[in-house]
Amino acid sequence: MAGERILIVDDTPVSLKVSQVLLSREGYEVRTAASAEEGLEILHGFQPRLVLTDVQLPGMDGLELARRLKQDAATRDILVVAVTASATPEGEGKALAAGCDGYMAKRVEDLIPQIRGYLGSGEARHAGEVDFQPLRARFAAEVDGCVAHWLEDLDEFDAEAASRTLHQWAGTAGLLGYAHAGWLARELEAVLRERPLDVAQLRDAFTSLAGEFREPK
């Protein structure tokens, strides 16, 4: 119902903002946190019906956040839904084992119907359609430009900084409808943790990622 409280925990700024805008337009009272630790602080003075948490977070991850909420008598009745850029049956099993009440993929078109389902809400308000095409276009241009820069200097580029950027992209890509690009970004994160780096493998992987955005969604 309108006015119900939701806390969104996500370290990807675009995902956090888009989710907040969509849910606020539906009449929900929304607070946001960029980490599980920040989310726990907010919960000291904010009692939501639902916590929507990204699985992969810096520091404490979303599943540990769920465990803590379900182990605390003050928060165990809050619905906790885990969100991920790459939903899998294995991931769902881990989320449910951690105490989550639900598990869903990041995708802008599915966000409202799924949240209303978890909350048992009625018909959606649809207070005007939101056009995310400009946001998709800006995101695609950002990826293309950054990948082009990396490809120019693969022997010297900062793998740690690139890994952080890819983590952000993975969440944003899934939410904006670039599901395969989100998966590629996650795979590239793993590649960048390997030593020594395989420059040829990186070049192919970055080229494939950039290619996901050549055609607008």
Protein backbone atom coordinates (compact mmCIF):
# COMPACT_ATOMS: atom_id res chain seq x y z
CA MET A 1 0.00 0.00 0.00
CA ALA A 2 1.09 3.60 -0.51
CA GLY A 3 3.36 4.97 2.19
CA GLU A 4 4.96 1.66 3.15
CA ARG A 5 8.62 2.00 4.06
CA ILE A 6 11.49 0.47 2.09
CA LEU A 7 15.23 0.57 2.72
CA ILE A 8 17.43 0.01 -0.35
CA VAL A 9 21.04 -1.06 0.27
CA ASP A 10 23.25 -0.89 -2.84
CA ASP A 11 26.78 0.37 -3.50
CA THR A 12 26.08 1.19 -7.15
CA PRO A 13 24.95 4.86 -7.31
CA VAL A 14 22.91 4.52 -10.51
CA SER A 15 21.10 1.42 -9.26
CA LEU A 16 20.39 3.13 -5.96
CA LYS A 17 19.00 6.27 -7.61
CA VAL A 18 16.90 4.49 -10.23
CA SER A 19 15.37 2.14 -7.66
CA GLN A 20 14.64 5.04 -5.32
CA VAL A 21 12.95 7.07 -8.07
CA LEU A 22 10.77 4.19 -9.24
CA LEU A 23 9.65 3.14 -5.77
CA SER A 24 9.07 6.71 -4.59
CA ARG A 25 6.85 7.37 -7.62
CA GLU A 26 4.77 4.37 -6.53
CA GLY A 27 4.13 6.04 -3.19
CA TYR A 28 6.62 4.15 -1.02
CA GLU A 29 8.68 5.95 1.61
CA VAL A 30 12.25 5.11 0.62
CA ARG A 31 15.58 5.44 2.37
CA THR A 32 18.90 4.40 0.84
CA ALA A 33 22.27 3.14 2.06
CA ALA A 34 25.51 2.52 0.15
CA SER A 35 26.69 -0.27 2.48
CA ALA A 36 25.30 -2.86 4.87
CA GLU A 37 26.91 -1.02 7.77
CA GLU A 38 25.17 2.21 6.77
CA GLY A 39 21.91 0.30 6.39
CA LEU A 40 22.16 -1.01 9.96
CA GLU A 41 22.70 2.53 11.22
CA ILE A 42 19.63 3.78 9.37
CA LEU A 43 17.54 0.98 10.89
CA HIS A 44 18.14 2.40 14.36
CA GLY A 45 15.67 5.16 13.54
CA PHE A 46 13.75 3.85 10.53
CA GLN A 47 11.45 0.82 10.58
CA PRO A 48 10.81 -0.39 7.02
CA ARG A 49 8.46 -3.12 5.91
CA LEU A 50 11.07 -4.27 3.37
CA VAL A 51 14.84 -4.18 2.99
CA LEU A 52 16.01 -4.52 -0.60
CA THR A 53 19.72 -5.38 -0.50
CA ASP A 54 22.33 -6.00 -3.15
CA VAL A 55 24.15 -9.29 -2.58
CA GLN A 56 27.65 -8.02 -3.38
CA LEU A 57 28.51 -5.10 -1.12
CA PRO A 58 31.84 -3.74 0.15
CA GLY A 59 32.65 -4.97 3.64
CA MET A 60 29.62 -6.83 4.97
CA ASP A 61 27.73 -8.40 2.06
CA GLY A 62 23.98 -8.49 1.60
CA LEU A 63 23.60 -12.06 2.84
CA GLU A 64 25.37 -11.30 6.11
CA LEU A 65 23.11 -8.28 6.48
CA ALA A 66 20.10 -10.58 6.07
CA ARG A 67 21.44 -12.98 8.70
CA ARG A 68 21.91 -10.18 11.21
CA LEU A 69 18.44 -8.77 10.61
CA LYS A 70 16.79 -12.17 11.01
CA GLN A 71 18.77 -12.96 14.19
CA ASP A 72 17.72 -9.72 15.88
CA ALA A 73 14.28 -9.72 17.55
CA ALA A 74 13.89 -6.03 16.68
CA THR A 75 14.29 -6.59 12.92
CA ARG A 76 13.48 -10.26 12.23
CA ASP A 77 9.98 -9.46 10.94
CA ILE A 78 11.28 -7.10 8.25
CA LEU A 79 11.03 -8.63 4.78
CA VAL A 80 14.51 -8.97 3.25
CA VAL A 81 14.88 -9.40 -0.50
CA ALA A 82 18.32 -10.05 -2.01
CA VAL A 83 19.06 -8.42 -5.36
CA THR A 84 21.79 -9.37 -7.80
CA ALA A 85 22.96 -8.46 -11.28
CA SER A 86 23.29 -12.16 -12.15
CA ALA A 87 20.51 -14.26 -10.63
CA THR A 88 21.16 -18.02 -10.48
CA PRO A 89 19.49 -20.99 -8.76
CA GLU A 90 22.62 -21.41 -6.63
CA GLY A 91 22.49 -17.75 -5.63
CA GLU A 92 18.85 -18.05 -4.71
CA GLY A 93 19.60 -21.06 -2.51
CA LYS A 94 22.30 -19.13 -0.66
CA ALA A 95 20.00 -16.13 -0.19
CA LEU A 96 17.18 -18.23 1.24
CA ALA A 97 19.63 -20.09 3.50
CA ALA A 98 20.81 -16.73 4.84
CA GLY A 99 17.24 -15.90 5.84
CA CYS A 100 16.15 -13.76 2.88
CA ASP A 101 12.43 -13.74 2.14
CA GLY A 102 13.06 -13.34 -1.57
CA TYR A 103 15.64 -13.14 -4.34
CA MET A 104 15.46 -11.17 -7.59
CA ALA A 105 17.52 -9.98 -10.53
CA LYS A 106 18.26 -6.30 -11.05
CA ARG A 107 16.06 -5.21 -13.94
CA VAL A 108 14.24 -1.91 -14.15
CA GLU A 109 11.16 -3.35 -15.91
CA ASP A 110 10.61 -5.97 -13.18
CA LEU A 111 11.32 -3.93 -10.07
CA ILE A 112 7.86 -2.55 -9.31
CA PRO A 113 5.84 -5.74 -10.03
CA GLN A 114 8.16 -7.84 -7.90
CA ILE A 115 8.22 -5.42 -4.98
CA ARG A 116 4.44 -5.11 -5.02
CA GLY A 117 4.27 -8.89 -4.99
CA TYR A 118 6.47 -9.16 -1.91
CA LEU A 119 4.50 -6.48 -0.11
CA GLY A 120 1.11 -7.84 -1.18
CA SER A 121 0.18 -4.45 -2.62
CA GLY A 122 -2.70 -3.73 -4.96
CA GLU A 123 -2.64 -2.17 -8.40
CA ALA A 124 0.36 -0.10 -9.36
CA ARG A 125 -0.06 3.65 -9.42
CA HIS A 126 1.99 4.22 -12.60
CA ALA A 127 2.34 7.92 -11.81
CA GLY A 128 3.67 8.69 -15.28
CA GLU A 129 6.08 6.52 -17.22
CA VAL A 130 9.81 7.00 -16.64
CA ASP A 131 11.96 7.16 -19.79
CA PHE A 132 15.28 5.48 -19.02
CA GLN A 133 16.57 5.58 -22.60
CA PRO A 134 18.71 8.71 -22.01
CA LEU A 135 20.23 7.04 -18.95
CA ARG A 136 20.91 3.88 -20.96
CA ALA A 137 22.56 5.96 -23.69
CA ARG A 138 24.80 7.81 -21.20
CA PHE A 139 25.78 4.55 -19.53
CA ALA A 140 26.62 2.93 -22.88
CA ALA A 141 28.74 5.94 -23.85
CA GLU A 142 30.58 5.79 -20.51
CA VAL A 143 31.39 2.10 -20.97
CA ASP A 144 32.51 2.61 -24.57
CA GLY A 145 34.79 5.52 -23.71
CA CYS A 146 36.33 3.87 -20.67
CA VAL A 147 36.94 0.56 -22.43
CA ALA A 148 38.55 2.37 -25.36
CA HIS A 149 40.91 4.08 -22.91
CA TRP A 150 41.81 0.78 -21.24
CA LEU A 151 42.44 -0.92 -24.58
CA GLU A 152 44.96 1.78 -25.49
CA ASP A 153 47.16 0.95 -22.53
CA LEU A 154 46.53 -2.59 -21.30
CA ASP A 155 50.15 -3.09 -20.28
CA GLU A 156 50.05 -0.24 -17.75
CA PHE A 157 46.41 0.26 -16.74
CA ASP A 158 45.27 0.14 -13.09
CA ALA A 159 43.64 -3.28 -12.65
CA GLU A 160 42.36 -2.52 -9.14
CA ALA A 161 40.62 0.68 -10.24
CA ALA A 162 39.22 -1.10 -13.30
CA SER A 163 37.84 -3.88 -11.08
CA ARG A 164 35.96 -1.32 -8.95
CA THR A 165 34.53 0.27 -12.08
CA LEU A 166 33.43 -3.09 -13.45
CA HIS A 167 31.65 -3.88 -10.19
CA GLN A 168 29.64 -0.68 -10.57
CA TRP A 169 28.90 -1.45 -14.21
CA ALA A 170 27.68 -4.96 -13.42
CA GLY A 171 24.92 -3.66 -11.18
CA THR A 172 23.96 -0.82 -13.48
CA ALA A 173 23.95 -2.97 -16.62
CA GLY A 174 21.55 -5.51 -15.18
CA LEU A 175 19.16 -2.87 -13.91
CA LEU A 176 19.07 -1.04 -17.24
CA GLY A 177 18.41 -4.17 -19.28
CA TYR A 178 21.93 -5.12 -20.37
CA ALA A 179 21.85 -8.52 -18.67
CA HIS A 180 24.64 -10.15 -20.67
CA ALA A 181 26.86 -7.09 -20.30
CA GLY A 182 26.38 -7.32 -16.54
CA TRP A 183 27.50 -10.95 -16.63
CA LEU A 184 30.56 -10.02 -18.72
CA ALA A 185 31.49 -7.29 -16.25
CA ARG A 186 31.34 -9.80 -13.38
CA GLU A 187 33.54 -12.20 -15.34
CA LEU A 188 36.04 -9.44 -16.03
CA GLU A 189 36.19 -8.64 -12.32
CA ALA A 190 37.36 -12.22 -11.75
CA VAL A 191 39.90 -12.03 -14.57
CA LEU A 192 41.42 -8.88 -13.09
CA ARG A 193 42.05 -10.66 -9.80
CA GLU A 194 44.31 -13.18 -11.54
CA ARG A 195 48.09 -12.71 -11.65
CA PRO A 196 49.81 -12.34 -13.95
CA LEU A 197 47.20 -10.66 -16.12
CA ASP A 198 46.66 -12.18 -19.53
CA VAL A 199 46.69 -9.13 -21.81
CA ALA A 200 45.28 -10.99 -24.81
CA GLN A 201 42.41 -12.35 -22.72
CA LEU A 202 41.70 -8.88 -21.35
CA ARG A 203 41.68 -7.35 -24.80
CA ASP A 204 39.12 -9.89 -26.04
CA ALA A 205 36.98 -9.52 -22.93
CA PHE A 206 36.94 -5.72 -23.03
CA THR A 207 36.12 -5.75 -26.72
CA SER A 208 33.20 -8.12 -26.09
CA LEU A 209 31.90 -5.92 -23.26
CA ALA A 210 31.99 -2.77 -25.36
CA GLY A 211 30.23 -4.62 -28.17
CA GLU A 212 27.20 -5.21 -25.93
CA PHE A 213 26.36 -1.49 -26.14
CA ARG A 214 26.69 -0.92 -29.89
CA GLU A 215 22.93 -1.23 -30.39
CA PRO A 216 20.63 0.84 -28.16
CA LYS A 217 18.14 -0.98 -25.93
